Amino acid sequence: LESNLHPTVEFLLSDNGAHLTVSQLGYFVSYQPAILAYSLEKRIKPRIERMRDAGIRLEYSPPVIMSYTDEKFDIWLEKHTTTWS
């Protein structure tokens, strides 16, 4: 737990991470509990960084965004980047 769950929760709640509130994190976990099991370094951080670079905050994304395949995530990000830009 200390090596996986704790760093993931800290990142999702931190200002330098996804910047979610506890309530928002609960919402994401209730829809997609696996978000806490995904690799922080290989899936969560890279996606959050790409979303941040595109000006999209995690709380405005679908609650199951981390479960998307890389291809589906890329399509979603492209669609929302061109829509919002």
C-alpha atoms as a PDB file:
ATOM      1  CA  LEU A   1       0.000   0.000   0.000  1.00  0.00           C
ATOM      2  CA  GLU A   2       2.709   2.474   0.906  1.00  0.00           C
ATOM      3  CA  SER A   3       4.596   1.953  -2.334  1.00  0.00           C
ATOM      4  CA  ASN A   4       1.604   2.079  -4.711  1.00  0.00           C
ATOM      5  CA  LEU A   5      -1.650   3.391  -3.252  1.00  0.00           C
ATOM      6  CA  HIS A   6      -0.274   6.211  -1.134  1.00  0.00           C
ATOM      7  CA  PRO A   7       1.823   7.849  -3.917  1.00  0.00           C
ATOM      8  CA  THR A   8      -1.091   7.587  -6.361  1.00  0.00           C
ATOM      9  CA  VAL A   9      -3.554   9.234  -3.974  1.00  0.00           C
ATOM     10  CA  GLU A  10      -1.002  11.911  -3.065  1.00  0.00           C
ATOM     11  CA  PHE A  11      -0.395  12.706  -6.734  1.00  0.00           C
ATOM     12  CA  LEU A  12      -4.100  12.865  -7.562  1.00  0.00           C
ATOM     13  CA  LEU A  13      -4.707  15.250  -4.659  1.00  0.00           C
ATOM     14  CA  SER A  14      -1.565  17.383  -4.916  1.00  0.00           C
ATOM     15  CA  ASP A  15      -1.272  20.794  -6.544  1.00  0.00           C
ATOM     16  CA  ASN A  16       1.612  19.433  -8.629  1.00  0.00           C
ATOM     17  CA  GLY A  17      -0.471  16.439  -9.696  1.00  0.00           C
ATOM     18  CA  ALA A  18      -4.101  16.213 -10.725  1.00  0.00           C
ATOM     19  CA  HIS A  19      -5.190  18.808  -8.130  1.00  0.00           C
ATOM     20  CA  LEU A  20      -8.383  16.937  -7.238  1.00  0.00           C
ATOM     21  CA  THR A  21     -10.320  17.555  -4.055  1.00  0.00           C
ATOM     22  CA  VAL A  22     -11.061  14.584  -1.798  1.00  0.00           C
ATOM     23  CA  SER A  23     -14.655  14.683  -3.035  1.00  0.00           C
ATOM     24  CA  GLN A  24     -13.564  14.674  -6.687  1.00  0.00           C
ATOM     25  CA  LEU A  25     -11.179  11.783  -6.046  1.00  0.00           C
ATOM     26  CA  GLY A  26     -14.044   9.857  -4.433  1.00  0.00           C
ATOM     27  CA  TYR A  27     -16.143  10.476  -7.532  1.00  0.00           C
ATOM     28  CA  PHE A  28     -13.424   9.139  -9.847  1.00  0.00           C
ATOM     29  CA  VAL A  29     -12.788   6.106  -7.636  1.00  0.00           C
ATOM     30  CA  SER A  30     -16.507   5.302  -7.390  1.00  0.00           C
ATOM     31  CA  TYR A  31     -16.745   5.171 -11.190  1.00  0.00           C
ATOM     32  CA  GLN A  32     -13.355   3.589 -11.837  1.00  0.00           C
ATOM     33  CA  PRO A  33     -11.847   1.943  -8.727  1.00  0.00           C
ATOM     34  CA  ALA A  34      -8.992   0.638 -10.871  1.00  0.00           C
ATOM     35  CA  ILE A  35      -7.637   4.182 -11.102  1.00  0.00           C
ATOM     36  CA  LEU A  36      -5.864   3.427  -7.837  1.00  0.00           C
ATOM     37  CA  ALA A  37      -4.213   0.343  -9.342  1.00  0.00           C
ATOM     38  CA  TYR A  38      -2.949   1.856 -12.589  1.00  0.00           C
ATOM     39  CA  SER A  39       0.739   2.627 -12.799  1.00  0.00           C
ATOM     40  CA  LEU A  40       1.396   6.121 -11.517  1.00  0.00           C
ATOM     41  CA  GLU A  41       4.545   6.519 -13.618  1.00  0.00           C
ATOM     42  CA  LYS A  42       3.412   4.757 -16.791  1.00  0.00           C
ATOM     43  CA  ARG A  43      -0.243   5.749 -17.077  1.00  0.00           C
ATOM     44  CA  ILE A  44      -1.522   8.345 -14.625  1.00  0.00           C
ATOM     45  CA  LYS A  45       1.279  10.938 -14.622  1.00  0.00           C
ATOM     46  CA  PRO A  46       1.836  10.942 -18.388  1.00  0.00           C
ATOM     47  CA  ARG A  47      -1.877  11.380 -19.068  1.00  0.00           C
ATOM     48  CA  ILE A  48      -2.297  14.116 -16.478  1.00  0.00           C
ATOM     49  CA  GLU A  49       0.712  15.936 -17.922  1.00  0.00           C
ATOM     50  CA  ARG A  50      -0.629  15.678 -21.472  1.00  0.00           C
ATOM     51  CA  MET A  51      -4.041  16.894 -20.315  1.00  0.00           C
ATOM     52  CA  ARG A  52      -2.437  19.773 -18.403  1.00  0.00           C
ATOM     53  CA  ASP A  53      -0.402  20.727 -21.486  1.00  0.00           C
ATOM     54  CA  ALA A  54      -3.674  20.812 -23.434  1.00  0.00           C
ATOM     55  CA  GLY A  55      -5.347  22.955 -20.767  1.00  0.00           C
ATOM     56  CA  ILE A  56      -7.696  20.193 -19.606  1.00  0.00           C
ATOM     57  CA  ARG A  57      -8.065  19.392 -15.919  1.00  0.00           C
ATOM     58  CA  LEU A  58      -8.795  15.840 -14.816  1.00  0.00           C
ATOM     59  CA  GLU A  59     -12.054  16.796 -13.116  1.00  0.00           C
ATOM     60  CA  TYR A  60     -13.470  17.851 -16.496  1.00  0.00           C
ATOM     61  CA  SER A  61     -12.685  14.517 -18.130  1.00  0.00           C
ATOM     62  CA  PRO A  62     -14.787  11.345 -18.167  1.00  0.00           C
ATOM     63  CA  PRO A  63     -14.449   9.541 -14.821  1.00  0.00           C
ATOM     64  CA  VAL A  64     -13.160   6.441 -16.622  1.00  0.00           C
ATOM     65  CA  ILE A  65     -10.464   8.296 -18.608  1.00  0.00           C
ATOM     66  CA  MET A  66      -7.618   6.259 -17.122  1.00  0.00           C
ATOM     67  CA  SER A  67      -9.211   3.028 -18.335  1.00  0.00           C
ATOM     68  CA  TYR A  68      -9.072   4.160 -21.961  1.00  0.00           C
ATOM     69  CA  THR A  69      -6.563   2.425 -24.183  1.00  0.00           C
ATOM     70  CA  ASP A  70      -3.703   4.626 -25.294  1.00  0.00           C
ATOM     71  CA  GLU A  71      -5.311   4.925 -28.721  1.00  0.00           C
ATOM     72  CA  LYS A  72      -8.712   5.879 -27.306  1.00  0.00           C
ATOM     73  CA  PHE A  73      -7.085   8.373 -24.935  1.00  0.00           C
ATOM     74  CA  ASP A  74      -5.177   9.970 -27.832  1.00  0.00           C
ATOM     75  CA  ILE A  75      -8.392  10.301 -29.841  1.00  0.00           C
ATOM     76  CA  TRP A  76     -10.257  11.783 -26.864  1.00  0.00           C
ATOM     77  CA  LEU A  77      -7.458  14.250 -26.144  1.00  0.00           C
ATOM     78  CA  GLU A  78      -7.179  15.319 -29.770  1.00  0.00           C
ATOM     79  CA  LYS A  79     -10.928  15.835 -30.022  1.00  0.00           C
ATOM     80  CA  HIS A  80     -11.095  17.921 -26.868  1.00  0.00           C
ATOM     81  CA  THR A  81      -7.953  19.865 -27.592  1.00  0.00           C
ATOM     82  CA  THR A  82      -9.195  20.989 -30.989  1.00  0.00           C
ATOM     83  CA  THR A  83     -12.679  21.638 -29.604  1.00  0.00           C
ATOM     84  CA  TRP A  84     -11.451  23.800 -26.731  1.00  0.00           C
ATOM     85  CA  SER A  85      -8.573  25.568 -28.461  1.00  0.00           C
END
